[in-house]
């Protein structure tokens, strides 16, 4: 993920002007990285180190989504639909 792509994701999901690390932003960035790594693993099936990193990212995203669901249900639902995640 390039710097410009990361900045556009942050700008799309931030909650205020200087927001760079709120849970919705973190989930969006993780989703972007997960999607690109999934494409990589489709062509490089034996890349076990990248697969391990992918699993760690997926579990981190799951924990952040659970936190959002507990603390801010409307933002959680909006984020799921914006990122096309199913839950």
PDB file of N, CA and C in Angstrom:
ATOM      1  N   UNK A   1       0.850  -1.159   0.000  1.00  0.00           N
ATOM      2  CA  UNK A   1       0.000   0.000   0.000  1.00  0.00           C
ATOM      3  C   UNK A   1       0.904   1.232   0.000  1.00  0.00           C
ATOM      4  N   UNK A   2       0.708   2.074  -0.993  1.00  0.00           N
ATOM      5  CA  UNK A   2       1.502   3.282  -1.100  1.00  0.00           C
ATOM      6  C   UNK A   2       1.060   4.342  -0.115  1.00  0.00           C
ATOM      7  N   UNK A   3       1.900   5.367   0.015  1.00  0.00           N
ATOM      8  CA  UNK A   3       1.611   6.447   0.960  1.00  0.00           C
ATOM      9  C   UNK A   3       0.357   7.225   0.562  1.00  0.00           C
ATOM     10  N   UNK A   4       0.162   7.437  -0.743  1.00  0.00           N
ATOM     11  CA  UNK A   4      -1.025   8.145  -1.205  1.00  0.00           C
ATOM     12  C   UNK A   4      -2.296   7.353  -0.965  1.00  0.00           C
ATOM     13  N   UNK A   5      -2.202   6.029  -1.160  1.00  0.00           N
ATOM     14  CA  UNK A   5      -3.361   5.165  -0.941  1.00  0.00           C
ATOM     15  C   UNK A   5      -3.716   5.130   0.548  1.00  0.00           C
ATOM     16  N   UNK A   6      -2.704   5.096   1.393  1.00  0.00           N
ATOM     17  CA  UNK A   6      -2.932   5.089   2.836  1.00  0.00           C
ATOM     18  C   UNK A   6      -3.580   6.401   3.278  1.00  0.00           C
ATOM     19  N   UNK A   7      -3.107   7.506   2.739  1.00  0.00           N
ATOM     20  CA  UNK A   7      -3.663   8.809   3.099  1.00  0.00           C
ATOM     21  C   UNK A   7      -5.121   8.928   2.669  1.00  0.00           C
ATOM     22  N   UNK A   8      -5.461   8.371   1.508  1.00  0.00           N
ATOM     23  CA  UNK A   8      -6.852   8.456   1.051  1.00  0.00           C
ATOM     24  C   UNK A   8      -7.771   7.599   1.925  1.00  0.00           C
ATOM     25  N   UNK A   9      -7.280   6.448   2.380  1.00  0.00           N
ATOM     26  CA  UNK A   9      -8.083   5.603   3.279  1.00  0.00           C
ATOM     27  C   UNK A   9      -8.293   6.317   4.609  1.00  0.00           C
ATOM     28  N   UNK A  10      -7.239   6.944   5.132  1.00  0.00           N
ATOM     29  CA  UNK A  10      -7.359   7.677   6.397  1.00  0.00           C
ATOM     30  C   UNK A  10      -8.352   8.822   6.242  1.00  0.00           C
ATOM     31  N   UNK A  11      -8.262   9.553   5.134  1.00  0.00           N
ATOM     32  CA  UNK A  11      -9.156  10.687   4.920  1.00  0.00           C
ATOM     33  C   UNK A  11     -10.607  10.234   4.800  1.00  0.00           C
ATOM     34  N   UNK A  12     -10.830   9.080   4.208  1.00  0.00           N
ATOM     35  CA  UNK A  12     -12.195   8.591   4.020  1.00  0.00           C
ATOM     36  C   UNK A  12     -12.838   8.154   5.332  1.00  0.00           C
ATOM     37  N   UNK A  13     -12.079   7.564   6.246  1.00  0.00           N
ATOM     38  CA  UNK A  13     -12.665   6.964   7.452  1.00  0.00           C
ATOM     39  C   UNK A  13     -12.375   7.722   8.743  1.00  0.00           C
ATOM     40  N   UNK A  14     -11.702   8.858   8.676  1.00  0.00           N
ATOM     41  CA  UNK A  14     -11.392   9.592   9.904  1.00  0.00           C
ATOM     42  C   UNK A  14     -12.649  10.217  10.484  1.00  0.00           C
ATOM     43  N   UNK A  15     -12.605  10.443  11.796  1.00  0.00           N
ATOM     44  CA  UNK A  15     -13.769  10.977  12.489  1.00  0.00           C
ATOM     45  C   UNK A  15     -13.651  12.475  12.738  1.00  0.00           C
ATOM     46  N   UNK A  16     -12.430  13.018  12.709  1.00  0.00           N
ATOM     47  CA  UNK A  16     -12.213  14.454  12.808  1.00  0.00           C
ATOM     48  C   UNK A  16     -10.947  14.793  12.033  1.00  0.00           C
ATOM     49  N   UNK A  17     -10.602  16.062  11.974  1.00  0.00           N
ATOM     50  CA  UNK A  17      -9.556  16.543  11.076  1.00  0.00           C
ATOM     51  C   UNK A  17      -8.186  15.894  11.314  1.00  0.00           C
ATOM     52  N   UNK A  18      -7.800  15.718  12.563  1.00  0.00           N
ATOM     53  CA  UNK A  18      -6.458  15.196  12.851  1.00  0.00           C
ATOM     54  C   UNK A  18      -6.472  13.718  13.247  1.00  0.00           C
ATOM     55  N   UNK A  19      -7.522  13.007  12.901  1.00  0.00           N
ATOM     56  CA  UNK A  19      -7.675  11.604  13.279  1.00  0.00           C
ATOM     57  C   UNK A  19      -6.862  10.706  12.356  1.00  0.00           C
ATOM     58  N   UNK A  20      -5.932   9.945  12.919  1.00  0.00           N
ATOM     59  CA  UNK A  20      -5.164   8.984  12.119  1.00  0.00           C
ATOM     60  C   UNK A  20      -5.151   7.596  12.726  1.00  0.00           C
ATOM     61  N   UNK A  21      -5.705   7.427  13.927  1.00  0.00           N
ATOM     62  CA  UNK A  21      -5.576   6.131  14.581  1.00  0.00           C
ATOM     63  C   UNK A  21      -6.804   5.634  15.299  1.00  0.00           C
ATOM     64  N   UNK A  22      -7.964   6.187  15.009  1.00  0.00           N
ATOM     65  CA  UNK A  22      -9.173   5.700  15.660  1.00  0.00           C
ATOM     66  C   UNK A  22      -9.491   4.296  15.143  1.00  0.00           C
ATOM     67  N   UNK A  23     -10.291   3.526  15.869  1.00  0.00           N
ATOM     68  CA  UNK A  23     -10.597   2.161  15.435  1.00  0.00           C
ATOM     69  C   UNK A  23     -11.144   2.048  14.006  1.00  0.00           C
ATOM     70  N   UNK A  24     -12.050   2.929  13.551  1.00  0.00           N
ATOM     71  CA  UNK A  24     -12.494   2.794  12.153  1.00  0.00           C
ATOM     72  C   UNK A  24     -11.357   2.956  11.140  1.00  0.00           C
ATOM     73  N   UNK A  25     -10.447   3.872  11.410  1.00  0.00           N
ATOM     74  CA  UNK A  25      -9.307   4.073  10.515  1.00  0.00           C
ATOM     75  C   UNK A  25      -8.405   2.839  10.542  1.00  0.00           C
ATOM     76  N   UNK A  26      -8.158   2.307  11.721  1.00  0.00           N
ATOM     77  CA  UNK A  26      -7.316   1.120  11.837  1.00  0.00           C
ATOM     78  C   UNK A  26      -7.930  -0.070  11.106  1.00  0.00           C
ATOM     79  N   UNK A  27      -9.242  -0.249  11.232  1.00  0.00           N
ATOM     80  CA  UNK A  27      -9.913  -1.357  10.553  1.00  0.00           C
ATOM     81  C   UNK A  27      -9.825  -1.186   9.048  1.00  0.00           C
ATOM     82  N   UNK A  28     -10.014   0.039   8.565  1.00  0.00           N
ATOM     83  CA  UNK A  28      -9.946   0.290   7.125  1.00  0.00           C
ATOM     84  C   UNK A  28      -8.540   0.031   6.584  1.00  0.00           C
ATOM     85  N   UNK A  29      -7.520   0.459   7.312  1.00  0.00           N
ATOM     86  CA  UNK A  29      -6.138   0.224   6.873  1.00  0.00           C
ATOM     87  C   UNK A  29      -5.809  -1.271   6.886  1.00  0.00           C
ATOM     88  N   UNK A  30      -6.237  -1.960   7.930  1.00  0.00           N
ATOM     89  CA  UNK A  30      -6.001  -3.402   7.998  1.00  0.00           C
ATOM     90  C   UNK A  30      -6.725  -4.128   6.869  1.00  0.00           C
ATOM     91  N   UNK A  31      -7.942  -3.718   6.562  1.00  0.00           N
ATOM     92  CA  UNK A  31      -8.697  -4.350   5.486  1.00  0.00           C
ATOM     93  C   UNK A  31      -7.988  -4.162   4.158  1.00  0.00           C
ATOM     94  N   UNK A  32      -7.452  -2.968   3.945  1.00  0.00           N
ATOM     95  CA  UNK A  32      -6.714  -2.704   2.714  1.00  0.00           C
ATOM     96  C   UNK A  32      -5.486  -3.606   2.608  1.00  0.00           C
ATOM     97  N   UNK A  33      -4.736  -3.737   3.702  1.00  0.00           N
ATOM     98  CA  UNK A  33      -3.547  -4.599   3.700  1.00  0.00           C
ATOM     99  C   UNK A  33      -3.923  -6.065   3.548  1.00  0.00           C
ATOM    100  N   UNK A  34      -5.014  -6.482   4.187  1.00  0.00           N
ATOM    101  CA  UNK A  34      -5.469  -7.870   4.104  1.00  0.00           C
ATOM    102  C   UNK A  34      -5.845  -8.213   2.667  1.00  0.00           C
ATOM    103  N   UNK A  35      -6.560  -7.304   2.000  1.00  0.00           N
ATOM    104  CA  UNK A  35      -6.961  -7.562   0.624  1.00  0.00           C
ATOM    105  C   UNK A  35      -5.758  -7.680  -0.309  1.00  0.00           C
ATOM    106  N   UNK A  36      -4.765  -6.808  -0.140  1.00  0.00           N
ATOM    107  CA  UNK A  36      -3.588  -6.888  -1.018  1.00  0.00           C
ATOM    108  C   UNK A  36      -2.762  -8.140  -0.726  1.00  0.00           C
ATOM    109  N   UNK A  37      -2.664  -8.523   0.542  1.00  0.00           N
ATOM    110  CA  UNK A  37      -1.905  -9.725   0.888  1.00  0.00           C
ATOM    111  C   UNK A  37      -2.635 -10.984   0.423  1.00  0.00           C
ATOM    112  N   UNK A  38      -3.954 -10.960   0.408  1.00  0.00           N
ATOM    113  CA  UNK A  38      -4.716 -12.108  -0.097  1.00  0.00           C
ATOM    114  C   UNK A  38      -4.449 -12.328  -1.577  1.00  0.00           C
ATOM    115  N   UNK A  39      -4.365 -11.233  -2.337  1.00  0.00           N
ATOM    116  CA  UNK A  39      -4.030 -11.348  -3.756  1.00  0.00           C
ATOM    117  C   UNK A  39      -2.633 -11.941  -3.933  1.00  0.00           C
ATOM    118  N   UNK A  40      -1.703 -11.500  -3.107  1.00  0.00           N
ATOM    119  CA  UNK A  40      -0.340 -12.023  -3.170  1.00  0.00           C
ATOM    120  C   UNK A  40      -0.316 -13.523  -2.899  1.00  0.00           C
ATOM    121  N   UNK A  41      -1.088 -13.957  -1.908  1.00  0.00           N
ATOM    122  CA  UNK A  41      -1.071 -15.369  -1.521  1.00  0.00           C
ATOM    123  C   UNK A  41      -1.789 -16.264  -2.536  1.00  0.00           C
ATOM    124  N   UNK A  42      -2.630 -15.681  -3.384  1.00  0.00           N
ATOM    125  CA  UNK A  42      -3.258 -16.485  -4.429  1.00  0.00           C
ATOM    126  C   UNK A  42      -2.235 -16.917  -5.471  1.00  0.00           C
ATOM    127  N   UNK A  43      -1.217 -16.108  -5.702  1.00  0.00           N
ATOM    128  CA  UNK A  43      -0.185 -16.480  -6.675  1.00  0.00           C
ATOM    129  C   UNK A  43       1.013 -17.151  -6.016  1.00  0.00           C
ATOM    130  N   UNK A  44       1.233 -16.913  -4.731  1.00  0.00           N
ATOM    131  CA  UNK A  44       2.366 -17.504  -4.015  1.00  0.00           C
ATOM    132  C   UNK A  44       1.848 -18.337  -2.851  1.00  0.00           C
ATOM    133  N   UNK A  45       1.308 -19.515  -3.157  1.00  0.00           N
ATOM    134  CA  UNK A  45       0.644 -20.336  -2.141  1.00  0.00           C
ATOM    135  C   UNK A  45       1.585 -20.807  -1.036  1.00  0.00           C
ATOM    136  N   UNK A  46       2.862 -20.949  -1.321  1.00  0.00           N
ATOM    137  CA  UNK A  46       3.779 -21.522  -0.333  1.00  0.00           C
ATOM    138  C   UNK A  46       4.466 -20.470   0.531  1.00  0.00           C
ATOM    139  N   UNK A  47       4.044 -19.232   0.441  1.00  0.00           N
ATOM    140  CA  UNK A  47       4.634 -18.154   1.230  1.00  0.00           C
ATOM    141  C   UNK A  47       4.037 -18.178   2.638  1.00  0.00           C
ATOM    142  N   UNK A  48       4.591 -19.033   3.486  1.00  0.00           N
ATOM    143  CA  UNK A  48       4.018 -19.261   4.815  1.00  0.00           C
ATOM    144  C   UNK A  48       4.221 -18.076   5.751  1.00  0.00           C
ATOM    145  N   UNK A  49       5.306 -17.323   5.590  1.00  0.00           N
ATOM    146  CA  UNK A  49       5.546 -16.187   6.468  1.00  0.00           C
ATOM    147  C   UNK A  49       4.508 -15.089   6.220  1.00  0.00           C
ATOM    148  N   UNK A  50       4.179 -14.846   4.968  1.00  0.00           N
ATOM    149  CA  UNK A  50       3.148 -13.853   4.659  1.00  0.00           C
ATOM    150  C   UNK A  50       1.780 -14.338   5.126  1.00  0.00           C
ATOM    151  N   UNK A  51       1.539 -15.637   5.036  1.00  0.00           N
ATOM    152  CA  UNK A  51       0.263 -16.189   5.492  1.00  0.00           C
ATOM    153  C   UNK A  51       0.103 -15.987   7.001  1.00  0.00           C
ATOM    154  N   UNK A  52       1.191 -16.157   7.737  1.00  0.00           N
ATOM    155  CA  UNK A  52       1.147 -15.950   9.184  1.00  0.00           C
ATOM    156  C   UNK A  52       0.842 -14.485   9.510  1.00  0.00           C
ATOM    157  N   UNK A  53       1.463 -13.579   8.768  1.00  0.00           N
ATOM    158  CA  UNK A  53       1.178 -12.158   8.960  1.00  0.00           C
ATOM    159  C   UNK A  53      -0.261 -11.827   8.636  1.00  0.00           C
ATOM    160  N   UNK A  54      -0.795 -12.465   7.592  1.00  0.00           N
ATOM    161  CA  UNK A  54      -2.194 -12.253   7.211  1.00  0.00           C
ATOM    162  C   UNK A  54      -3.119 -12.687   8.334  1.00  0.00           C
ATOM    163  N   UNK A  55      -2.860 -13.833   8.921  1.00  0.00           N
ATOM    164  CA  UNK A  55      -3.710 -14.332  10.008  1.00  0.00           C
ATOM    165  C   UNK A  55      -3.655 -13.402  11.223  1.00  0.00           C
ATOM    166  N   UNK A  56      -2.477 -12.838  11.500  1.00  0.00           N
ATOM    167  CA  UNK A  56      -2.366 -11.893  12.613  1.00  0.00           C
ATOM    168  C   UNK A  56      -3.167 -10.629  12.338  1.00  0.00           C
ATOM    169  N   UNK A  57      -3.112 -10.155  11.083  1.00  0.00           N
ATOM    170  CA  UNK A  57      -3.881  -8.956  10.729  1.00  0.00           C
ATOM    171  C   UNK A  57      -5.382  -9.205  10.820  1.00  0.00           C
ATOM    172  N   UNK A  58      -5.821 -10.380  10.377  1.00  0.00           N
ATOM    173  CA  UNK A  58      -7.239 -10.711  10.427  1.00  0.00           C
ATOM    174  C   UNK A  58      -7.716 -10.766  11.877  1.00  0.00           C
ATOM    175  N   UNK A  59      -6.919 -11.348  12.762  1.00  0.00           N
ATOM    176  CA  UNK A  59      -7.344 -11.427  14.163  1.00  0.00           C
ATOM    177  C   UNK A  59      -7.321 -10.050  14.823  1.00  0.00           C
ATOM    178  N   UNK A  60      -6.376  -9.197  14.450  1.00  0.00           N
ATOM    179  CA  UNK A  60      -6.339  -7.836  14.984  1.00  0.00           C
ATOM    180  C   UNK A  60      -7.572  -7.049  14.529  1.00  0.00           C
ATOM    181  N   UNK A  61      -7.933  -7.204  13.256  1.00  0.00           N
ATOM    182  CA  UNK A  61      -9.122  -6.529  12.736  1.00  0.00           C
ATOM    183  C   UNK A  61     -10.379  -7.032  13.442  1.00  0.00           C
ATOM    184  N   UNK A  62     -10.439  -8.330  13.694  1.00  0.00           N
ATOM    185  CA  UNK A  62     -11.591  -8.894  14.389  1.00  0.00           C
ATOM    186  C   UNK A  62     -11.727  -8.305  15.791  1.00  0.00           C
ATOM    187  N   UNK A  63     -10.610  -8.167  16.499  1.00  0.00           N
ATOM    188  CA  UNK A  63     -10.644  -7.583  17.846  1.00  0.00           C
ATOM    189  C   UNK A  63     -11.099  -6.130  17.804  1.00  0.00           C
ATOM    190  N   UNK A  64     -10.611  -5.371  16.825  1.00  0.00           N
ATOM    191  CA  UNK A  64     -11.026  -3.973  16.706  1.00  0.00           C
ATOM    192  C   UNK A  64     -12.513  -3.860  16.378  1.00  0.00           C
ATOM    193  N   UNK A  65     -13.002  -4.758  15.521  1.00  0.00           N
ATOM    194  CA  UNK A  65     -14.421  -4.735  15.177  1.00  0.00           C
ATOM    195  C   UNK A  65     -15.291  -5.098  16.379  1.00  0.00           C
ATOM    196  N   UNK A  66     -14.838  -6.043  17.190  1.00  0.00           N
ATOM    197  CA  UNK A  66     -15.584  -6.395  18.400  1.00  0.00           C
ATOM    198  C   UNK A  66     -15.633  -5.219  19.363  1.00  0.00           C
ATOM    199  N   UNK A  67     -14.517  -4.487  19.479  1.00  0.00           N
ATOM    200  CA  UNK A  67     -14.477  -3.300  20.332  1.00  0.00           C
ATOM    201  C   UNK A  67     -15.477  -2.261  19.822  1.00  0.00           C
ATOM    202  N   UNK A  68     -15.471  -2.028  18.517  1.00  0.00           N
ATOM    203  CA  UNK A  68     -16.400  -1.058  17.935  1.00  0.00           C
ATOM    204  C   UNK A  68     -17.855  -1.469  18.149  1.00  0.00           C
ATOM    205  N   UNK A  69     -18.126  -2.742  18.010  1.00  0.00           N
ATOM    206  CA  UNK A  69     -19.495  -3.234  18.191  1.00  0.00           C
ATOM    207  C   UNK A  69     -19.970  -2.988  19.618  1.00  0.00           C
ATOM    208  N   UNK A  70     -19.082  -3.171  20.586  1.00  0.00           N
ATOM    209  CA  UNK A  70     -19.442  -2.951  21.983  1.00  0.00           C
ATOM    210  C   UNK A  70     -19.634  -1.465  22.308  1.00  0.00           C
ATOM    211  N   UNK A  71     -18.776  -0.598  21.735  1.00  0.00           N
ATOM    212  CA  UNK A  71     -18.749   0.791  22.166  1.00  0.00           C
ATOM    213  C   UNK A  71     -19.443   1.781  21.239  1.00  0.00           C
ATOM    214  N   UNK A  72     -19.575   1.466  19.952  1.00  0.00           N
ATOM    215  CA  UNK A  72     -20.162   2.421  19.012  1.00  0.00           C
ATOM    216  C   UNK A  72     -20.846   1.658  17.878  1.00  0.00           C
ATOM    217  N   UNK A  73     -22.036   1.163  18.157  1.00  0.00           N
ATOM    218  CA  UNK A  73     -22.771   0.308  17.216  1.00  0.00           C
ATOM    219  C   UNK A  73     -23.041   0.983  15.858  1.00  0.00           C
ATOM    220  N   UNK A  74     -23.484   2.252  15.806  1.00  0.00           N
ATOM    221  CA  UNK A  74     -23.746   2.867  14.489  1.00  0.00           C
ATOM    222  C   UNK A  74     -22.492   2.964  13.616  1.00  0.00           C
ATOM    223  N   UNK A  75     -21.374   3.336  14.207  1.00  0.00           N
ATOM    224  CA  UNK A  75     -20.121   3.412  13.450  1.00  0.00           C
ATOM    225  C   UNK A  75     -19.702   2.027  12.982  1.00  0.00           C
ATOM    226  N   UNK A  76     -19.903   1.023  13.823  1.00  0.00           N
ATOM    227  CA  UNK A  76     -19.587  -0.360  13.473  1.00  0.00           C
ATOM    228  C   UNK A  76     -20.373  -0.799  12.241  1.00  0.00           C
ATOM    229  N   UNK A  77     -21.679  -0.557  12.236  1.00  0.00           N
ATOM    230  CA  UNK A  77     -22.518  -0.963  11.104  1.00  0.00           C
ATOM    231  C   UNK A  77     -22.148  -0.201   9.834  1.00  0.00           C
ATOM    232  N   UNK A  78     -21.873   1.094   9.968  1.00  0.00           N
ATOM    233  CA  UNK A  78     -21.488   1.908   8.818  1.00  0.00           C
ATOM    234  C   UNK A  78     -20.158   1.421   8.234  1.00  0.00           C
ATOM    235  N   UNK A  79     -19.237   1.054   9.101  1.00  0.00           N
ATOM    236  CA  UNK A  79     -17.928   0.578   8.663  1.00  0.00           C
ATOM    237  C   UNK A  79     -18.044  -0.764   7.946  1.00  0.00           C
ATOM    238  N   UNK A  80     -18.865  -1.664   8.463  1.00  0.00           N
ATOM    239  CA  UNK A  80     -19.053  -2.969   7.803  1.00  0.00           C
ATOM    240  C   UNK A  80     -19.599  -2.806   6.391  1.00  0.00           C
ATOM    241  N   UNK A  81     -20.568  -1.914   6.224  1.00  0.00           N
ATOM    242  CA  UNK A  81     -21.138  -1.741   4.893  1.00  0.00           C
ATOM    243  C   UNK A  81     -20.163  -1.021   3.964  1.00  0.00           C
ATOM    244  N   UNK A  82     -19.390  -0.059   4.485  1.00  0.00           N
ATOM    245  CA  UNK A  82     -18.453   0.684   3.649  1.00  0.00           C
ATOM    246  C   UNK A  82     -17.309  -0.206   3.163  1.00  0.00           C
ATOM    247  N   UNK A  83     -16.885  -1.156   3.987  1.00  0.00           N
ATOM    248  CA  UNK A  83     -15.763  -2.030   3.627  1.00  0.00           C
ATOM    249  C   UNK A  83     -16.216  -3.355   3.038  1.00  0.00           C
ATOM    250  N   UNK A  84     -17.519  -3.548   2.910  1.00  0.00           N
ATOM    251  CA  UNK A  84     -18.094  -4.801   2.387  1.00  0.00           C
ATOM    252  C   UNK A  84     -17.634  -6.007   3.185  1.00  0.00           C
ATOM    253  N   UNK A  85     -17.692  -5.866   4.509  1.00  0.00           N
ATOM    254  CA  UNK A  85     -17.361  -6.976   5.392  1.00  0.00           C
ATOM    255  C   UNK A  85     -18.653  -7.616   5.864  1.00  0.00           C
ATOM    256  N   UNK A  86     -18.621  -8.906   6.088  1.00  0.00           N
ATOM    257  CA  UNK A  86     -19.818  -9.571   6.579  1.00  0.00           C
ATOM    258  C   UNK A  86     -19.593  -9.992   8.010  1.00  0.00           C
ATOM    259  N   UNK A  87     -20.616  -9.906   8.805  1.00  0.00           N
ATOM    260  CA  UNK A  87     -20.491 -10.262  10.206  1.00  0.00           C
ATOM    261  C   UNK A  87     -21.803 -10.805  10.683  1.00  0.00           C
TER     262      UNK A  87
END
